[in-house]
Amino acid sequence: MQDTYKATTRIEPLKWLIAALETVLGLMGALVLILYFYTGSFAGAGQKLDAGLKAIWLFVAPFVGQG
């Protein structure tokens, strides 16, 4: 007897988006925690994170037409 079941792989965009956002938020949380231990305060961690995100944006902006 031949098995006629064929597994299908379906990518659900909403689940992928939620997983991606959870990953990004988790990584940002880990980064803030590391910066908190490095600077000794959440204010210092926030300033360093803000400066880092601004530097990343200044690098990426020309590629996405926001220059």
PDB file of N, CA and C in Angstrom:
ATOM      1  N   MET A   1       0.830  -1.178   0.000  1.00  0.00           N
ATOM      2  CA  MET A   1       0.000   0.000   0.000  1.00  0.00           C
ATOM      3  C   MET A   1       0.880   1.249   0.000  1.00  0.00           C
ATOM      4  N   GLN A   2       0.589   2.138  -0.908  1.00  0.00           N
ATOM      5  CA  GLN A   2       1.400   3.337  -1.053  1.00  0.00           C
ATOM      6  C   GLN A   2       0.798   4.465  -0.219  1.00  0.00           C
ATOM      7  N   ASP A   3       1.675   5.166   0.459  1.00  0.00           N
ATOM      8  CA  ASP A   3       1.228   6.292   1.281  1.00  0.00           C
ATOM      9  C   ASP A   3       1.007   7.498   0.377  1.00  0.00           C
ATOM     10  N   THR A   4      -0.160   8.096   0.441  1.00  0.00           N
ATOM     11  CA  THR A   4      -0.472   9.236  -0.424  1.00  0.00           C
ATOM     12  C   THR A   4      -0.369  10.566   0.311  1.00  0.00           C
ATOM     13  N   TYR A   5       0.017  10.532   1.572  1.00  0.00           N
ATOM     14  CA  TYR A   5       0.129  11.773   2.342  1.00  0.00           C
ATOM     15  C   TYR A   5       1.350  12.555   1.889  1.00  0.00           C
ATOM     16  N   LYS A   6       1.151  13.798   1.595  1.00  0.00           N
ATOM     17  CA  LYS A   6       2.257  14.650   1.184  1.00  0.00           C
ATOM     18  C   LYS A   6       2.315  15.844   2.137  1.00  0.00           C
ATOM     19  N   ALA A   7       3.399  15.950   2.848  1.00  0.00           N
ATOM     20  CA  ALA A   7       3.552  17.062   3.787  1.00  0.00           C
ATOM     21  C   ALA A   7       3.758  18.359   3.017  1.00  0.00           C
ATOM     22  N   THR A   8       3.099  19.378   3.459  1.00  0.00           N
ATOM     23  CA  THR A   8       3.265  20.686   2.822  1.00  0.00           C
ATOM     24  C   THR A   8       3.848  21.655   3.836  1.00  0.00           C
ATOM     25  N   THR A   9       4.719  22.490   3.361  1.00  0.00           N
ATOM     26  CA  THR A   9       5.306  23.516   4.198  1.00  0.00           C
ATOM     27  C   THR A   9       4.662  24.841   3.831  1.00  0.00           C
ATOM     28  N   ARG A  10       4.073  25.450   4.817  1.00  0.00           N
ATOM     29  CA  ARG A  10       3.405  26.720   4.572  1.00  0.00           C
ATOM     30  C   ARG A  10       3.987  27.770   5.497  1.00  0.00           C
ATOM     31  N   ILE A  11       4.438  28.845   4.937  1.00  0.00           N
ATOM     32  CA  ILE A  11       4.969  29.936   5.739  1.00  0.00           C
ATOM     33  C   ILE A  11       3.833  30.920   5.984  1.00  0.00           C
ATOM     34  N   GLU A  12       3.528  31.128   7.234  1.00  0.00           N
ATOM     35  CA  GLU A  12       2.480  32.075   7.576  1.00  0.00           C
ATOM     36  C   GLU A  12       3.133  33.418   7.897  1.00  0.00           C
ATOM     37  N   PRO A  13       2.873  34.449   7.093  1.00  0.00           N
ATOM     38  CA  PRO A  13       3.551  35.733   7.257  1.00  0.00           C
ATOM     39  C   PRO A  13       3.350  36.368   8.631  1.00  0.00           C
ATOM     40  N   LEU A  14       2.160  36.268   9.188  1.00  0.00           N
ATOM     41  CA  LEU A  14       1.908  36.898  10.480  1.00  0.00           C
ATOM     42  C   LEU A  14       2.735  36.246  11.581  1.00  0.00           C
ATOM     43  N   LYS A  15       2.816  34.925  11.562  1.00  0.00           N
ATOM     44  CA  LYS A  15       3.629  34.232  12.567  1.00  0.00           C
ATOM     45  C   LYS A  15       5.108  34.556  12.379  1.00  0.00           C
ATOM     46  N   TRP A  16       5.543  34.676  11.138  1.00  0.00           N
ATOM     47  CA  TRP A  16       6.939  35.023  10.871  1.00  0.00           C
ATOM     48  C   TRP A  16       7.230  36.430  11.368  1.00  0.00           C
ATOM     49  N   LEU A  17       6.310  37.361  11.141  1.00  0.00           N
ATOM     50  CA  LEU A  17       6.492  38.741  11.592  1.00  0.00           C
ATOM     51  C   LEU A  17       6.555  38.811  13.109  1.00  0.00           C
ATOM     52  N   ILE A  18       5.663  38.102  13.775  1.00  0.00           N
ATOM     53  CA  ILE A  18       5.663  38.095  15.236  1.00  0.00           C
ATOM     54  C   ILE A  18       6.962  37.494  15.765  1.00  0.00           C
ATOM     55  N   ALA A  19       7.418  36.414  15.162  1.00  0.00           N
ATOM     56  CA  ALA A  19       8.674  35.785  15.590  1.00  0.00           C
ATOM     57  C   ALA A  19       9.855  36.724  15.378  1.00  0.00           C
ATOM     58  N   ALA A  20       9.862  37.444  14.258  1.00  0.00           N
ATOM     59  CA  ALA A  20      10.949  38.382  13.981  1.00  0.00           C
ATOM     60  C   ALA A  20      10.941  39.526  14.992  1.00  0.00           C
ATOM     61  N   LEU A  21       9.756  40.056  15.301  1.00  0.00           N
ATOM     62  CA  LEU A  21       9.668  41.144  16.277  1.00  0.00           C
ATOM     63  C   LEU A  21      10.079  40.677  17.670  1.00  0.00           C
ATOM     64  N   GLU A  22       9.679  39.474  18.054  1.00  0.00           N
ATOM     65  CA  GLU A  22      10.096  38.928  19.345  1.00  0.00           C
ATOM     66  C   GLU A  22      11.611  38.784  19.407  1.00  0.00           C
ATOM     67  N   THR A  23      12.205  38.342  18.321  1.00  0.00           N
ATOM     68  CA  THR A  23      13.657  38.181  18.279  1.00  0.00           C
ATOM     69  C   THR A  23      14.359  39.520  18.420  1.00  0.00           C
ATOM     70  N   VAL A  24      13.889  40.517  17.667  1.00  0.00           N
ATOM     71  CA  VAL A  24      14.503  41.849  17.725  1.00  0.00           C
ATOM     72  C   VAL A  24      14.358  42.444  19.119  1.00  0.00           C
ATOM     73  N   LEU A  25      13.170  42.360  19.698  1.00  0.00           N
ATOM     74  CA  LEU A  25      12.968  42.913  21.040  1.00  0.00           C
ATOM     75  C   LEU A  25      13.802  42.170  22.078  1.00  0.00           C
ATOM     76  N   GLY A  26      13.920  40.867  21.938  1.00  0.00           N
ATOM     77  CA  GLY A  26      14.747  40.097  22.858  1.00  0.00           C
ATOM     78  C   GLY A  26      16.214  40.480  22.771  1.00  0.00           C
ATOM     79  N   LEU A  27      16.708  40.658  21.547  1.00  0.00           N
ATOM     80  CA  LEU A  27      18.103  41.061  21.373  1.00  0.00           C
ATOM     81  C   LEU A  27      18.344  42.467  21.912  1.00  0.00           C
ATOM     82  N   MET A  28      17.389  43.372  21.698  1.00  0.00           N
ATOM     83  CA  MET A  28      17.536  44.727  22.234  1.00  0.00           C
ATOM     84  C   MET A  28      17.513  44.705  23.758  1.00  0.00           C
ATOM     85  N   GLY A  29      16.663  43.872  24.343  1.00  0.00           N
ATOM     86  CA  GLY A  29      16.626  43.749  25.799  1.00  0.00           C
ATOM     87  C   GLY A  29      17.937  43.214  26.351  1.00  0.00           C
ATOM     88  N   ALA A  30      18.494  42.223  25.683  1.00  0.00           N
ATOM     89  CA  ALA A  30      19.782  41.677  26.111  1.00  0.00           C
ATOM     90  C   ALA A  30      20.877  42.726  25.985  1.00  0.00           C
ATOM     91  N   LEU A  31      20.836  43.506  24.915  1.00  0.00           N
ATOM     92  CA  LEU A  31      21.834  44.556  24.719  1.00  0.00           C
ATOM     93  C   LEU A  31      21.724  45.625  25.799  1.00  0.00           C
ATOM     94  N   VAL A  32      20.499  46.025  26.139  1.00  0.00           N
ATOM     95  CA  VAL A  32      20.313  47.020  27.202  1.00  0.00           C
ATOM     96  C   VAL A  32      20.829  46.480  28.527  1.00  0.00           C
ATOM     97  N   LEU A  33      20.571  45.216  28.809  1.00  0.00           N
ATOM     98  CA  LEU A  33      21.053  44.624  30.055  1.00  0.00           C
ATOM     99  C   LEU A  33      22.580  44.601  30.097  1.00  0.00           C
ATOM    100  N   ILE A  34      23.204  44.244  28.985  1.00  0.00           N
ATOM    101  CA  ILE A  34      24.673  44.256  28.923  1.00  0.00           C
ATOM    102  C   ILE A  34      25.194  45.671  29.114  1.00  0.00           C
ATOM    103  N   LEU A  35      24.574  46.641  28.437  1.00  0.00           N
ATOM    104  CA  LEU A  35      25.008  48.034  28.585  1.00  0.00           C
ATOM    105  C   LEU A  35      24.751  48.550  29.995  1.00  0.00           C
ATOM    106  N   TYR A  36      23.687  48.075  30.628  1.00  0.00           N
ATOM    107  CA  TYR A  36      23.410  48.471  32.013  1.00  0.00           C
ATOM    108  C   TYR A  36      24.544  48.023  32.929  1.00  0.00           C
ATOM    109  N   PHE A  37      24.980  46.781  32.770  1.00  0.00           N
ATOM    110  CA  PHE A  37      26.080  46.302  33.604  1.00  0.00           C
ATOM    111  C   PHE A  37      27.386  47.008  33.253  1.00  0.00           C
ATOM    112  N   TYR A  38      27.535  47.403  32.006  1.00  0.00           N
ATOM    113  CA  TYR A  38      28.752  48.097  31.573  1.00  0.00           C
ATOM    114  C   TYR A  38      28.793  49.524  32.105  1.00  0.00           C
ATOM    115  N   THR A  39      27.661  50.246  32.024  1.00  0.00           N
ATOM    116  CA  THR A  39      27.636  51.655  32.425  1.00  0.00           C
ATOM    117  C   THR A  39      27.226  51.851  33.872  1.00  0.00           C
ATOM    118  N   GLY A  40      26.504  50.918  34.452  1.00  0.00           N
ATOM    119  CA  GLY A  40      26.081  51.048  35.839  1.00  0.00           C
ATOM    120  C   GLY A  40      24.750  51.749  36.022  1.00  0.00           C
ATOM    121  N   SER A  41      24.111  52.173  34.941  1.00  0.00           N
ATOM    122  CA  SER A  41      22.804  52.821  35.070  1.00  0.00           C
ATOM    123  C   SER A  41      22.004  52.607  33.792  1.00  0.00           C
ATOM    124  N   PHE A  42      20.683  52.650  33.952  1.00  0.00           N
ATOM    125  CA  PHE A  42      19.837  52.514  32.774  1.00  0.00           C
ATOM    126  C   PHE A  42      19.912  53.759  31.900  1.00  0.00           C
ATOM    127  N   ALA A  43      20.157  54.926  32.513  1.00  0.00           N
ATOM    128  CA  ALA A  43      20.283  56.156  31.723  1.00  0.00           C
ATOM    129  C   ALA A  43      21.505  56.063  30.814  1.00  0.00           C
ATOM    130  N   GLY A  44      22.611  55.601  31.359  1.00  0.00           N
ATOM    131  CA  GLY A  44      23.817  55.442  30.549  1.00  0.00           C
ATOM    132  C   GLY A  44      23.639  54.389  29.476  1.00  0.00           C
ATOM    133  N   ALA A  45      22.951  53.310  29.837  1.00  0.00           N
ATOM    134  CA  ALA A  45      22.686  52.256  28.854  1.00  0.00           C
ATOM    135  C   ALA A  45      21.809  52.790  27.737  1.00  0.00           C
ATOM    136  N   GLY A  46      20.802  53.580  28.096  1.00  0.00           N
ATOM    137  CA  GLY A  46      19.914  54.165  27.090  1.00  0.00           C
ATOM    138  C   GLY A  46      20.641  55.113  26.165  1.00  0.00           C
ATOM    139  N   GLN A  47      21.544  55.908  26.730  1.00  0.00           N
ATOM    140  CA  GLN A  47      22.315  56.842  25.903  1.00  0.00           C
ATOM    141  C   GLN A  47      23.207  56.090  24.927  1.00  0.00           C
ATOM    142  N   LYS A  48      23.868  55.050  25.409  1.00  0.00           N
ATOM    143  CA  LYS A  48      24.739  54.273  24.516  1.00  0.00           C
ATOM    144  C   LYS A  48      23.927  53.545  23.449  1.00  0.00           C
ATOM    145  N   LEU A  49      22.764  52.998  23.835  1.00  0.00           N
ATOM    146  CA  LEU A  49      21.904  52.321  22.869  1.00  0.00           C
ATOM    147  C   LEU A  49      21.379  53.311  21.838  1.00  0.00           C
ATOM    148  N   ASP A  50      20.994  54.502  22.294  1.00  0.00           N
ATOM    149  CA  ASP A  50      20.500  55.535  21.380  1.00  0.00           C
ATOM    150  C   ASP A  50      21.596  55.947  20.399  1.00  0.00           C
ATOM    151  N   ALA A  51      22.805  56.128  20.899  1.00  0.00           N
ATOM    152  CA  ALA A  51      23.917  56.496  20.021  1.00  0.00           C
ATOM    153  C   ALA A  51      24.223  55.371  19.035  1.00  0.00           C
ATOM    154  N   GLY A  52      24.157  54.142  19.497  1.00  0.00           N
ATOM    155  CA  GLY A  52      24.410  53.003  18.612  1.00  0.00           C
ATOM    156  C   GLY A  52      23.363  52.879  17.523  1.00  0.00           C
ATOM    157  N   LEU A  53      22.085  53.037  17.893  1.00  0.00           N
ATOM    158  CA  LEU A  53      21.008  52.966  16.894  1.00  0.00           C
ATOM    159  C   LEU A  53      21.114  54.109  15.891  1.00  0.00           C
ATOM    160  N   LYS A  54      21.508  55.294  16.368  1.00  0.00           N
ATOM    161  CA  LYS A  54      21.671  56.432  15.460  1.00  0.00           C
ATOM    162  C   LYS A  54      22.812  56.164  14.477  1.00  0.00           C
ATOM    163  N   ALA A  55      23.904  55.588  14.964  1.00  0.00           N
ATOM    164  CA  ALA A  55      25.029  55.270  14.085  1.00  0.00           C
ATOM    165  C   ALA A  55      24.628  54.228  13.043  1.00  0.00           C
ATOM    166  N   ILE A  56      23.858  53.234  13.468  1.00  0.00           N
ATOM    167  CA  ILE A  56      23.388  52.220  12.518  1.00  0.00           C
ATOM    168  C   ILE A  56      22.483  52.859  11.479  1.00  0.00           C
ATOM    169  N   TRP A  57      21.568  53.742  11.918  1.00  0.00           N
ATOM    170  CA  TRP A  57      20.651  54.402  10.988  1.00  0.00           C
ATOM    171  C   TRP A  57      21.425  55.276   9.993  1.00  0.00           C
ATOM    172  N   LEU A  58      22.440  55.997  10.464  1.00  0.00           N
ATOM    173  CA  LEU A  58      23.225  56.840   9.561  1.00  0.00           C
ATOM    174  C   LEU A  58      23.944  56.002   8.508  1.00  0.00           C
ATOM    175  N   PHE A  59      24.289  54.764   8.844  1.00  0.00           N
ATOM    176  CA  PHE A  59      24.924  53.874   7.877  1.00  0.00           C
ATOM    177  C   PHE A  59      23.908  53.305   6.893  1.00  0.00           C
ATOM    178  N   VAL A  60      22.715  52.944   7.391  1.00  0.00           N
ATOM    179  CA  VAL A  60      21.706  52.268   6.575  1.00  0.00           C
ATOM    180  C   VAL A  60      20.875  53.245   5.743  1.00  0.00           C
ATOM    181  N   ALA A  61      20.664  54.458   6.239  1.00  0.00           N
ATOM    182  CA  ALA A  61      19.752  55.417   5.603  1.00  0.00           C
ATOM    183  C   ALA A  61      20.032  55.662   4.123  1.00  0.00           C
ATOM    184  N   PRO A  62      21.273  55.841   3.701  1.00  0.00           N
ATOM    185  CA  PRO A  62      21.500  56.077   2.269  1.00  0.00           C
ATOM    186  C   PRO A  62      21.061  54.911   1.380  1.00  0.00           C
ATOM    187  N   PHE A  63      21.113  53.689   1.916  1.00  0.00           N
ATOM    188  CA  PHE A  63      20.736  52.522   1.119  1.00  0.00           C
ATOM    189  C   PHE A  63      19.224  52.396   0.938  1.00  0.00           C
ATOM    190  N   VAL A  64      18.460  52.975   1.858  1.00  0.00           N
ATOM    191  CA  VAL A  64      17.001  52.890   1.766  1.00  0.00           C
ATOM    192  C   VAL A  64      16.381  54.200   1.289  1.00  0.00           C
ATOM    193  N   GLY A  65      17.222  55.120   0.824  1.00  0.00           N
ATOM    194  CA  GLY A  65      16.721  56.358   0.241  1.00  0.00           C
ATOM    195  C   GLY A  65      16.305  57.405   1.244  1.00  0.00           C
ATOM    196  N   GLN A  66      16.805  57.338   2.453  1.00  0.00           N
ATOM    197  CA  GLN A  66      16.453  58.322   3.474  1.00  0.00           C
ATOM    198  C   GLN A  66      17.630  59.246   3.778  1.00  0.00           C
ATOM    199  N   GLY A  67      18.512  59.412   2.824  1.00  0.00           N
ATOM    200  CA  GLY A  67      19.733  60.161   3.056  1.00  0.00           C
ATOM    201  C   GLY A  67      19.535  61.615   2.982  1.00  0.00           C
TER     202      GLY A  67
END
